[in-house]
Amino acid sequence: MNILITGARGQLGQEFKRLKDTFDHNLILTDSDEIDICSLENINNYLSGIELDYIVNCAAYTNVRDAEVEREKSLLINSFGVKNLVNYCEDNNIKFIHISTDYVYNSDSINAIDEESEVDPVNYYGFSKREGEKHIEKSESESIIIRTSWLYSKFGKNFVNTIIDKCINNSEINVVNDQFGCPTYAKDLANDILKIIKLNYKFNFENKIFNYSNLSYTNWYEFASTIKSKCGYQNTINPVPSSFFKNGVKRPKFSITSKQKIINIFGIDIKNWDVSLEDYITNDLK
């Protein structure tokens, strides 16, 4: 099979790059330099003559703070670009896997959110990602949406790497303790997407949406404290409320997702978040 990966320079895309030589099928890694998902003409020109079985869309505008200002750009990439890709897949009988976000949810309780739960984005990033999802839900293509959360890897800027940098350079750190969610090790997500592709199931499910993260949940303060502990640092980490950061973008207070649907349908085995964090710190940060 031939599988096109968009957004190959991002955290998840670079994990696919690491797995490329170990995967049984052909991964074609692209980024905006090769294919502009916001241009249907560019998509058609680039993919002309390439027979694809899957497109995995990791391309996205992901800066939550900047999305509040660059609304047109975030909507262009996260919605219009997705529409172009899913329409191309529908026209050419290609299966489509789209990476979305837990930020489309806005739960008011610690209870696990399943895929049937109401969506109500609290910031523009979440809104733009939800607009992209709508194109897939309306499409007759074989397509699924994977909503992930709190993604981290050795590549680029993320919470884990930021906390490690702060531990190295600061004696004291303030981290919010009233936002709950589920960390995701990008390597685990990439591996499990490839497992789904190898199964080559027909995507004819009534609901196209799946939650994915590592199992169990935490809050940002506990997450930071665990990172510090596993790395052996001695810094002081102070728990603070979200209101402590006056200029912060509004984020979901509870974003604890159920992964039972993706486990049941595809038979994948997902690790607990603290186990995957240990793997990351031990093996990726050498």
C-alpha atoms as a PDB file:
ATOM      1  CA  MET A   1       0.000   0.000   0.000  1.00  0.00           C
ATOM      2  CA  ASN A   2       0.976   3.629  -0.538  1.00  0.00           C
ATOM      3  CA  ILE A   3       0.230   5.977   2.362  1.00  0.00           C
ATOM      4  CA  LEU A   4       0.630   9.746   2.083  1.00  0.00           C
ATOM      5  CA  ILE A   5       1.463  11.595   5.316  1.00  0.00           C
ATOM      6  CA  THR A   6       0.859  15.360   5.348  1.00  0.00           C
ATOM      7  CA  GLY A   7       2.430  17.625   7.953  1.00  0.00           C
ATOM      8  CA  ALA A   8       5.591  15.515   8.058  1.00  0.00           C
ATOM      9  CA  ARG A   9       7.626  18.176   9.883  1.00  0.00           C
ATOM     10  CA  GLY A  10       5.246  18.251  12.840  1.00  0.00           C
ATOM     11  CA  GLN A  11       5.487  16.151  15.989  1.00  0.00           C
ATOM     12  CA  LEU A  12       3.333  13.290  14.734  1.00  0.00           C
ATOM     13  CA  GLY A  13       4.639  13.500  11.183  1.00  0.00           C
ATOM     14  CA  GLN A  14       8.221  13.106  12.359  1.00  0.00           C
ATOM     15  CA  GLU A  15       7.254  10.011  14.326  1.00  0.00           C
ATOM     16  CA  PHE A  16       5.996   8.487  11.067  1.00  0.00           C
ATOM     17  CA  LYS A  17       9.346   9.375   9.528  1.00  0.00           C
ATOM     18  CA  ARG A  18      11.125   7.422  12.283  1.00  0.00           C
ATOM     19  CA  LEU A  19       8.886   4.416  11.628  1.00  0.00           C
ATOM     20  CA  LYS A  20       9.162   4.550   7.841  1.00  0.00           C
ATOM     21  CA  ASP A  21      11.877   1.903   7.454  1.00  0.00           C
ATOM     22  CA  THR A  22      10.205  -0.534   9.845  1.00  0.00           C
ATOM     23  CA  PHE A  23       6.743  -0.382   8.235  1.00  0.00           C
ATOM     24  CA  ASP A  24       5.690  -3.016   5.694  1.00  0.00           C
ATOM     25  CA  HIS A  25       4.110  -0.485   3.318  1.00  0.00           C
ATOM     26  CA  ASN A  26       5.293   2.689   1.575  1.00  0.00           C
ATOM     27  CA  LEU A  27       5.022   5.935   3.534  1.00  0.00           C
ATOM     28  CA  ILE A  28       5.194   9.091   1.409  1.00  0.00           C
ATOM     29  CA  LEU A  29       6.120  11.940   3.754  1.00  0.00           C
ATOM     30  CA  THR A  30       5.148  15.454   2.694  1.00  0.00           C
ATOM     31  CA  ASP A  31       4.903  18.894   4.211  1.00  0.00           C
ATOM     32  CA  SER A  32       3.718  22.289   2.985  1.00  0.00           C
ATOM     33  CA  ASP A  33       6.811  22.655   0.780  1.00  0.00           C
ATOM     34  CA  GLU A  34       5.648  19.680  -1.282  1.00  0.00           C
ATOM     35  CA  ILE A  35       1.884  19.861  -1.011  1.00  0.00           C
ATOM     36  CA  ASP A  36      -0.275  22.835  -0.057  1.00  0.00           C
ATOM     37  CA  ILE A  37      -3.479  21.359   1.312  1.00  0.00           C
ATOM     38  CA  CYS A  38      -5.174  24.755   0.982  1.00  0.00           C
ATOM     39  CA  SER A  39      -4.880  24.547  -2.813  1.00  0.00           C
ATOM     40  CA  LEU A  40      -6.925  21.870  -4.558  1.00  0.00           C
ATOM     41  CA  GLU A  41      -4.961  22.577  -7.750  1.00  0.00           C
ATOM     42  CA  ASN A  42      -1.692  21.956  -5.914  1.00  0.00           C
ATOM     43  CA  ILE A  43      -3.039  18.718  -4.437  1.00  0.00           C
ATOM     44  CA  ASN A  44      -4.135  17.487  -7.856  1.00  0.00           C
ATOM     45  CA  ASN A  45      -0.824  18.408  -9.477  1.00  0.00           C
ATOM     46  CA  TYR A  46       1.325  16.842  -6.769  1.00  0.00           C
ATOM     47  CA  LEU A  47      -0.640  13.607  -6.547  1.00  0.00           C
ATOM     48  CA  SER A  48      -1.146  13.187 -10.285  1.00  0.00           C
ATOM     49  CA  GLY A  49       0.115   9.740 -11.247  1.00  0.00           C
ATOM     50  CA  ILE A  50       0.539   8.550  -7.629  1.00  0.00           C
ATOM     51  CA  GLU A  51      -1.710   5.655  -6.663  1.00  0.00           C
ATOM     52  CA  LEU A  52      -2.624   6.060  -2.999  1.00  0.00           C
ATOM     53  CA  ASP A  53      -4.442   3.786  -0.590  1.00  0.00           C
ATOM     54  CA  TYR A  54      -4.498   6.171   2.408  1.00  0.00           C
ATOM     55  CA  ILE A  55      -3.920   9.795   3.264  1.00  0.00           C
ATOM     56  CA  VAL A  56      -3.117  10.551   6.913  1.00  0.00           C
ATOM     57  CA  ASN A  57      -3.567  14.260   7.542  1.00  0.00           C
ATOM     58  CA  CYS A  58      -1.238  15.525  10.263  1.00  0.00           C
ATOM     59  CA  ALA A  59      -1.095  19.025   8.754  1.00  0.00           C
ATOM     60  CA  ALA A  60      -2.680  21.631  10.988  1.00  0.00           C
ATOM     61  CA  TYR A  61      -2.451  25.109  12.439  1.00  0.00           C
ATOM     62  CA  THR A  62      -1.747  24.184  16.074  1.00  0.00           C
ATOM     63  CA  ASN A  63      -0.709  27.377  17.885  1.00  0.00           C
ATOM     64  CA  VAL A  64      -3.634  27.825  20.255  1.00  0.00           C
ATOM     65  CA  ARG A  65      -2.684  31.338  21.331  1.00  0.00           C
ATOM     66  CA  ASP A  66      -1.923  32.689  17.847  1.00  0.00           C
ATOM     67  CA  ALA A  67      -5.121  31.178  16.438  1.00  0.00           C
ATOM     68  CA  GLU A  68      -7.075  33.808  18.388  1.00  0.00           C
ATOM     69  CA  VAL A  69      -5.387  36.471  16.226  1.00  0.00           C
ATOM     70  CA  GLU A  70      -4.663  34.601  12.981  1.00  0.00           C
ATOM     71  CA  ARG A  71      -8.201  33.313  12.661  1.00  0.00           C
ATOM     72  CA  GLU A  72      -8.354  33.364   8.880  1.00  0.00           C
ATOM     73  CA  LYS A  73      -5.116  31.381   8.574  1.00  0.00           C
ATOM     74  CA  SER A  74      -6.096  28.792  11.189  1.00  0.00           C
ATOM     75  CA  LEU A  75      -9.499  28.281   9.556  1.00  0.00           C
ATOM     76  CA  LEU A  76      -7.916  28.023   6.102  1.00  0.00           C
ATOM     77  CA  ILE A  77      -5.601  25.193   7.169  1.00  0.00           C
ATOM     78  CA  ASN A  78      -7.779  23.424   9.737  1.00  0.00           C
ATOM     79  CA  SER A  79     -11.037  23.528   7.783  1.00  0.00           C
ATOM     80  CA  PHE A  80     -10.647  24.436   4.104  1.00  0.00           C
ATOM     81  CA  GLY A  81      -7.483  22.345   3.730  1.00  0.00           C
ATOM     82  CA  VAL A  82      -9.249  19.355   5.270  1.00  0.00           C
ATOM     83  CA  LYS A  83     -12.160  19.826   2.873  1.00  0.00           C
ATOM     84  CA  ASN A  84      -9.753  19.706  -0.076  1.00  0.00           C
ATOM     85  CA  LEU A  85      -8.124  16.502   1.130  1.00  0.00           C
ATOM     86  CA  VAL A  86     -11.301  14.626   1.971  1.00  0.00           C
ATOM     87  CA  ASN A  87     -12.880  15.633  -1.339  1.00  0.00           C
ATOM     88  CA  TYR A  88      -9.794  14.364  -3.167  1.00  0.00           C
ATOM     89  CA  CYS A  89     -10.026  11.096  -1.263  1.00  0.00           C
ATOM     90  CA  GLU A  90     -13.719  10.758  -2.068  1.00  0.00           C
ATOM     91  CA  ASP A  91     -13.115  11.387  -5.773  1.00  0.00           C
ATOM     92  CA  ASN A  92     -10.189   8.951  -5.977  1.00  0.00           C
ATOM     93  CA  ASN A  93     -11.364   6.141  -3.654  1.00  0.00           C
ATOM     94  CA  ILE A  94      -8.636   6.770  -1.052  1.00  0.00           C
ATOM     95  CA  LYS A  95      -9.088   6.123   2.668  1.00  0.00           C
ATOM     96  CA  PHE A  96      -8.623   9.200   4.836  1.00  0.00           C
ATOM     97  CA  ILE A  97      -7.424   9.427   8.452  1.00  0.00           C
ATOM     98  CA  HIS A  98      -7.600  12.919   9.929  1.00  0.00           C
ATOM     99  CA  ILE A  99      -5.965  14.019  13.179  1.00  0.00           C
ATOM    100  CA  SER A 100      -8.131  16.331  15.272  1.00  0.00           C
ATOM    101  CA  THR A 101      -8.157  17.482  18.880  1.00  0.00           C
ATOM    102  CA  ASP A 102      -9.855  17.126  22.236  1.00  0.00           C
ATOM    103  CA  TYR A 103     -10.223  20.925  22.186  1.00  0.00           C
ATOM    104  CA  VAL A 104     -13.515  20.480  20.345  1.00  0.00           C
ATOM    105  CA  TYR A 105     -14.959  19.299  23.686  1.00  0.00           C
ATOM    106  CA  ASN A 106     -15.886  21.386  26.714  1.00  0.00           C
ATOM    107  CA  SER A 107     -16.908  19.099  29.539  1.00  0.00           C
ATOM    108  CA  ASP A 108     -17.852  20.425  32.970  1.00  0.00           C
ATOM    109  CA  SER A 109     -17.089  17.221  34.888  1.00  0.00           C
ATOM    110  CA  ILE A 110     -14.342  14.695  35.470  1.00  0.00           C
ATOM    111  CA  ASN A 111     -16.379  11.947  33.784  1.00  0.00           C
ATOM    112  CA  ALA A 112     -14.879  10.429  30.642  1.00  0.00           C
ATOM    113  CA  ILE A 113     -15.970  12.006  27.358  1.00  0.00           C
ATOM    114  CA  ASP A 114     -17.001   9.579  24.627  1.00  0.00           C
ATOM    115  CA  GLU A 115     -17.325  10.282  20.923  1.00  0.00           C
ATOM    116  CA  GLU A 116     -21.055  10.960  21.199  1.00  0.00           C
ATOM    117  CA  SER A 117     -20.523  13.755  23.711  1.00  0.00           C
ATOM    118  CA  GLU A 118     -21.489  17.303  22.836  1.00  0.00           C
ATOM    119  CA  VAL A 119     -18.851  19.485  21.205  1.00  0.00           C
ATOM    120  CA  ASP A 120     -18.475  23.112  22.259  1.00  0.00           C
ATOM    121  CA  PRO A 121     -15.013  24.577  21.548  1.00  0.00           C
ATOM    122  CA  VAL A 122     -13.929  27.287  23.999  1.00  0.00           C
ATOM    123  CA  ASN A 123     -11.222  28.815  21.770  1.00  0.00           C
ATOM    124  CA  TYR A 124     -10.727  29.534  18.075  1.00  0.00           C
ATOM    125  CA  TYR A 125      -8.238  26.715  17.556  1.00  0.00           C
ATOM    126  CA  GLY A 126     -10.870  24.219  18.745  1.00  0.00           C
ATOM    127  CA  PHE A 127     -13.496  25.921  16.585  1.00  0.00           C
ATOM    128  CA  SER A 128     -11.326  25.725  13.458  1.00  0.00           C
ATOM    129  CA  LYS A 129     -10.582  22.038  14.052  1.00  0.00           C
ATOM    130  CA  ARG A 130     -14.276  21.292  14.552  1.00  0.00           C
ATOM    131  CA  GLU A 131     -15.091  23.044  11.270  1.00  0.00           C
ATOM    132  CA  GLY A 132     -12.624  20.711   9.555  1.00  0.00           C
ATOM    133  CA  GLU A 133     -14.248  17.657  11.126  1.00  0.00           C
ATOM    134  CA  LYS A 134     -17.627  18.635   9.664  1.00  0.00           C
ATOM    135  CA  HIS A 135     -16.340  18.172   6.101  1.00  0.00           C
ATOM    136  CA  ILE A 136     -15.304  14.606   6.935  1.00  0.00           C
ATOM    137  CA  GLU A 137     -18.592  13.779   8.646  1.00  0.00           C
ATOM    138  CA  LYS A 138     -20.458  14.910   5.520  1.00  0.00           C
ATOM    139  CA  SER A 139     -18.154  13.041   3.144  1.00  0.00           C
ATOM    140  CA  GLU A 140     -19.035   9.723   1.559  1.00  0.00           C
ATOM    141  CA  SER A 141     -15.362   8.746   1.551  1.00  0.00           C
ATOM    142  CA  GLU A 142     -13.968   5.987   3.756  1.00  0.00           C
ATOM    143  CA  SER A 143     -12.665   8.310   6.428  1.00  0.00           C
ATOM    144  CA  ILE A 144     -12.169   8.581  10.161  1.00  0.00           C
ATOM    145  CA  ILE A 145     -11.304  11.349  12.607  1.00  0.00           C
ATOM    146  CA  ILE A 146      -8.907  10.688  15.489  1.00  0.00           C
ATOM    147  CA  ARG A 147      -9.191  13.254  18.284  1.00  0.00           C
ATOM    148  CA  THR A 148      -5.990  13.323  20.296  1.00  0.00           C
ATOM    149  CA  SER A 149      -4.778  15.447  23.218  1.00  0.00           C
ATOM    150  CA  TRP A 150      -1.749  16.865  25.034  1.00  0.00           C
ATOM    151  CA  LEU A 151       0.619  15.561  22.351  1.00  0.00           C
ATOM    152  CA  TYR A 152       4.358  15.396  23.037  1.00  0.00           C
ATOM    153  CA  SER A 153       7.473  14.011  21.349  1.00  0.00           C
ATOM    154  CA  LYS A 154      11.179  14.741  21.018  1.00  0.00           C
ATOM    155  CA  PHE A 155      10.377  16.974  18.061  1.00  0.00           C
ATOM    156  CA  GLY A 156       9.441  20.608  18.495  1.00  0.00           C
ATOM    157  CA  LYS A 157       7.763  22.522  21.282  1.00  0.00           C
ATOM    158  CA  ASN A 158       5.413  20.748  23.674  1.00  0.00           C
ATOM    159  CA  PHE A 159       4.591  20.659  27.373  1.00  0.00           C
ATOM    160  CA  VAL A 160       7.027  17.892  28.323  1.00  0.00           C
ATOM    161  CA  ASN A 161       9.989  19.522  26.602  1.00  0.00           C
ATOM    162  CA  THR A 162       9.028  22.923  28.000  1.00  0.00           C
ATOM    163  CA  ILE A 163       8.939  21.615  31.578  1.00  0.00           C
ATOM    164  CA  ILE A 164      12.317  19.919  31.116  1.00  0.00           C
ATOM    165  CA  ASP A 165      13.794  23.168  29.764  1.00  0.00           C
ATOM    166  CA  LYS A 166      12.339  25.112  32.674  1.00  0.00           C
ATOM    167  CA  CYS A 167      13.730  22.598  35.175  1.00  0.00           C
ATOM    168  CA  ILE A 168      17.172  23.074  33.667  1.00  0.00           C
ATOM    169  CA  ASN A 169      16.978  26.871  33.625  1.00  0.00           C
ATOM    170  CA  ASN A 170      14.707  27.799  36.549  1.00  0.00           C
ATOM    171  CA  SER A 171      14.533  26.838  40.194  1.00  0.00           C
ATOM    172  CA  GLU A 172      10.791  27.460  40.519  1.00  0.00           C
ATOM    173  CA  ILE A 173       7.931  26.839  38.070  1.00  0.00           C
ATOM    174  CA  ASN A 174       4.221  27.706  38.189  1.00  0.00           C
ATOM    175  CA  VAL A 175       1.848  25.218  36.540  1.00  0.00           C
ATOM    176  CA  VAL A 176      -1.970  25.218  36.473  1.00  0.00           C
ATOM    177  CA  ASN A 177      -3.698  22.517  38.491  1.00  0.00           C
ATOM    178  CA  ASP A 178      -7.333  22.997  37.459  1.00  0.00           C
ATOM    179  CA  GLN A 179      -7.226  21.715  33.860  1.00  0.00           C
ATOM    180  CA  PHE A 180      -7.505  17.934  33.456  1.00  0.00           C
ATOM    181  CA  GLY A 181      -6.748  15.831  30.409  1.00  0.00           C
ATOM    182  CA  CYS A 182      -4.910  12.915  28.832  1.00  0.00           C
ATOM    183  CA  PRO A 183      -1.291  13.082  27.604  1.00  0.00           C
ATOM    184  CA  THR A 184      -0.397  11.419  24.295  1.00  0.00           C
ATOM    185  CA  TYR A 185       3.055  10.171  23.343  1.00  0.00           C
ATOM    186  CA  ALA A 186       3.206  10.881  19.603  1.00  0.00           C
ATOM    187  CA  LYS A 187       5.197   7.701  18.946  1.00  0.00           C
ATOM    188  CA  ASP A 188       2.363   5.606  20.405  1.00  0.00           C
ATOM    189  CA  LEU A 189      -0.209   7.382  18.249  1.00  0.00           C
ATOM    190  CA  ALA A 190       1.858   6.944  15.077  1.00  0.00           C
ATOM    191  CA  ASN A 191       2.389   3.254  15.822  1.00  0.00           C
ATOM    192  CA  ASP A 192      -1.309   2.667  16.424  1.00  0.00           C
ATOM    193  CA  ILE A 193      -2.359   4.516  13.270  1.00  0.00           C
ATOM    194  CA  LEU A 194      -0.027   2.233  11.298  1.00  0.00           C
ATOM    195  CA  LYS A 195      -1.623  -0.772  13.021  1.00  0.00           C
ATOM    196  CA  ILE A 196      -5.047   0.484  11.910  1.00  0.00           C
ATOM    197  CA  ILE A 197      -3.767   0.883   8.351  1.00  0.00           C
ATOM    198  CA  LYS A 198      -2.316  -2.640   8.320  1.00  0.00           C
ATOM    199  CA  LEU A 199      -5.733  -4.018   9.316  1.00  0.00           C
ATOM    200  CA  ASN A 200      -7.112  -2.298   6.193  1.00  0.00           C
ATOM    201  CA  TYR A 201     -10.665  -2.391   7.513  1.00  0.00           C
ATOM    202  CA  LYS A 202     -13.456  -0.827   5.517  1.00  0.00           C
ATOM    203  CA  PHE A 203     -14.270   2.502   7.164  1.00  0.00           C
ATOM    204  CA  ASN A 204     -18.033   2.191   7.068  1.00  0.00           C
ATOM    205  CA  PHE A 205     -18.773   2.987  10.692  1.00  0.00           C
ATOM    206  CA  GLU A 206     -21.885   4.940  11.528  1.00  0.00           C
ATOM    207  CA  ASN A 207     -19.779   7.346  13.539  1.00  0.00           C
ATOM    208  CA  LYS A 208     -16.436   8.350  12.050  1.00  0.00           C
ATOM    209  CA  ILE A 209     -14.983   9.841  15.227  1.00  0.00           C
ATOM    210  CA  PHE A 210     -12.497   8.165  17.603  1.00  0.00           C
ATOM    211  CA  ASN A 211     -10.746   9.460  20.726  1.00  0.00           C
ATOM    212  CA  TYR A 212      -7.080   8.571  21.210  1.00  0.00           C
ATOM    213  CA  SER A 213      -4.578   9.319  23.957  1.00  0.00           C
ATOM    214  CA  ASN A 214      -2.629   7.321  26.469  1.00  0.00           C
ATOM    215  CA  LEU A 215      -4.839   5.857  29.181  1.00  0.00           C
ATOM    216  CA  SER A 216      -5.811   7.465  32.487  1.00  0.00           C
ATOM    217  CA  TYR A 217      -5.686  11.210  33.089  1.00  0.00           C
ATOM    218  CA  THR A 218      -3.890  13.914  35.026  1.00  0.00           C
ATOM    219  CA  ASN A 219      -3.731  17.688  35.341  1.00  0.00           C
ATOM    220  CA  TRP A 220      -0.952  19.962  34.120  1.00  0.00           C
ATOM    221  CA  TYR A 221       0.582  20.349  37.600  1.00  0.00           C
ATOM    222  CA  GLU A 222       0.666  16.603  38.265  1.00  0.00           C
ATOM    223  CA  PHE A 223       1.981  16.016  34.757  1.00  0.00           C
ATOM    224  CA  ALA A 224       4.800  18.518  35.327  1.00  0.00           C
ATOM    225  CA  SER A 225       5.615  17.027  38.733  1.00  0.00           C
ATOM    226  CA  THR A 226       5.842  13.548  37.207  1.00  0.00           C
ATOM    227  CA  ILE A 227       8.143  14.819  34.442  1.00  0.00           C
ATOM    228  CA  LYS A 228      10.371  16.461  37.046  1.00  0.00           C
ATOM    229  CA  SER A 229      10.472  13.318  39.178  1.00  0.00           C
ATOM    230  CA  LYS A 230      11.213  10.930  36.302  1.00  0.00           C
ATOM    231  CA  CYS A 231      14.018  13.196  35.075  1.00  0.00           C
ATOM    232  CA  GLY A 232      15.512  13.451  38.572  1.00  0.00           C
ATOM    233  CA  TYR A 233      15.238  17.241  38.907  1.00  0.00           C
ATOM    234  CA  GLN A 234      14.808  18.991  42.282  1.00  0.00           C
ATOM    235  CA  ASN A 235      12.904  22.112  41.203  1.00  0.00           C
ATOM    236  CA  THR A 236       9.950  23.537  43.059  1.00  0.00           C
ATOM    237  CA  ILE A 237       6.738  23.327  41.038  1.00  0.00           C
ATOM    238  CA  ASN A 238       3.880  25.434  42.357  1.00  0.00           C
ATOM    239  CA  PRO A 239       0.230  24.542  41.614  1.00  0.00           C
ATOM    240  CA  VAL A 240      -1.704  27.614  40.484  1.00  0.00           C
ATOM    241  CA  PRO A 241      -5.223  28.235  39.099  1.00  0.00           C
ATOM    242  CA  SER A 242      -5.761  29.053  35.429  1.00  0.00           C
ATOM    243  CA  SER A 243      -6.547  32.646  36.433  1.00  0.00           C
ATOM    244  CA  PHE A 244      -2.914  33.036  37.566  1.00  0.00           C
ATOM    245  CA  PHE A 245      -1.915  33.523  33.918  1.00  0.00           C
ATOM    246  CA  LYS A 246      -3.847  36.683  33.076  1.00  0.00           C
ATOM    247  CA  ASN A 247      -3.346  36.587  29.305  1.00  0.00           C
ATOM    248  CA  GLY A 248      -3.922  32.879  28.805  1.00  0.00           C
ATOM    249  CA  VAL A 249      -6.243  31.579  26.099  1.00  0.00           C
ATOM    250  CA  LYS A 250      -9.299  29.814  27.467  1.00  0.00           C
ATOM    251  CA  ARG A 251      -8.870  26.015  27.425  1.00  0.00           C
ATOM    252  CA  PRO A 252     -11.168  23.135  28.413  1.00  0.00           C
ATOM    253  CA  LYS A 253     -11.218  22.528  32.164  1.00  0.00           C
ATOM    254  CA  PHE A 254     -12.045  18.829  31.796  1.00  0.00           C
ATOM    255  CA  SER A 255     -10.853  16.992  28.705  1.00  0.00           C
ATOM    256  CA  ILE A 256     -10.765  13.387  29.877  1.00  0.00           C
ATOM    257  CA  THR A 257     -11.589  11.165  26.929  1.00  0.00           C
ATOM    258  CA  SER A 258     -12.735   7.561  26.720  1.00  0.00           C
ATOM    259  CA  LYS A 259     -10.647   5.407  24.366  1.00  0.00           C
ATOM    260  CA  GLN A 260     -12.880   2.349  24.565  1.00  0.00           C
ATOM    261  CA  LYS A 261     -14.293   2.747  21.064  1.00  0.00           C
ATOM    262  CA  ILE A 262     -10.943   2.740  19.250  1.00  0.00           C
ATOM    263  CA  ILE A 263      -9.712  -0.128  21.454  1.00  0.00           C
ATOM    264  CA  ASN A 264     -12.796  -2.238  20.778  1.00  0.00           C
ATOM    265  CA  ILE A 265     -13.013  -1.689  17.012  1.00  0.00           C
ATOM    266  CA  PHE A 266      -9.339  -1.905  16.097  1.00  0.00           C
ATOM    267  CA  GLY A 267      -8.058  -4.128  18.919  1.00  0.00           C
ATOM    268  CA  ILE A 268      -5.154  -1.866  19.831  1.00  0.00           C
ATOM    269  CA  ASP A 269      -3.409  -1.942  23.206  1.00  0.00           C
ATOM    270  CA  ILE A 270      -2.865   1.557  24.625  1.00  0.00           C
ATOM    271  CA  LYS A 271      -0.385   2.249  27.441  1.00  0.00           C
ATOM    272  CA  ASN A 272      -1.045   4.377  30.506  1.00  0.00           C
ATOM    273  CA  TRP A 273       0.276   7.926  30.169  1.00  0.00           C
ATOM    274  CA  ASP A 274       2.886   7.544  32.934  1.00  0.00           C
ATOM    275  CA  VAL A 275       4.277   4.363  31.342  1.00  0.00           C
ATOM    276  CA  SER A 276       4.667   6.099  27.979  1.00  0.00           C
ATOM    277  CA  LEU A 277       6.228   9.143  29.647  1.00  0.00           C
ATOM    278  CA  GLU A 278       8.812   6.849  31.237  1.00  0.00           C
ATOM    279  CA  ASP A 279       9.500   5.341  27.806  1.00  0.00           C
ATOM    280  CA  TYR A 280       9.940   8.807  26.316  1.00  0.00           C
ATOM    281  CA  ILE A 281      12.300  10.057  29.015  1.00  0.00           C
ATOM    282  CA  THR A 282      14.316   6.838  29.137  1.00  0.00           C
ATOM    283  CA  ASN A 283      14.631   6.145  25.419  1.00  0.00           C
ATOM    284  CA  ASP A 284      14.005   9.335  23.450  1.00  0.00           C
ATOM    285  CA  LEU A 285      15.882  11.835  25.602  1.00  0.00           C
ATOM    286  CA  LYS A 286      19.206   9.980  25.745  1.00  0.00           C
END
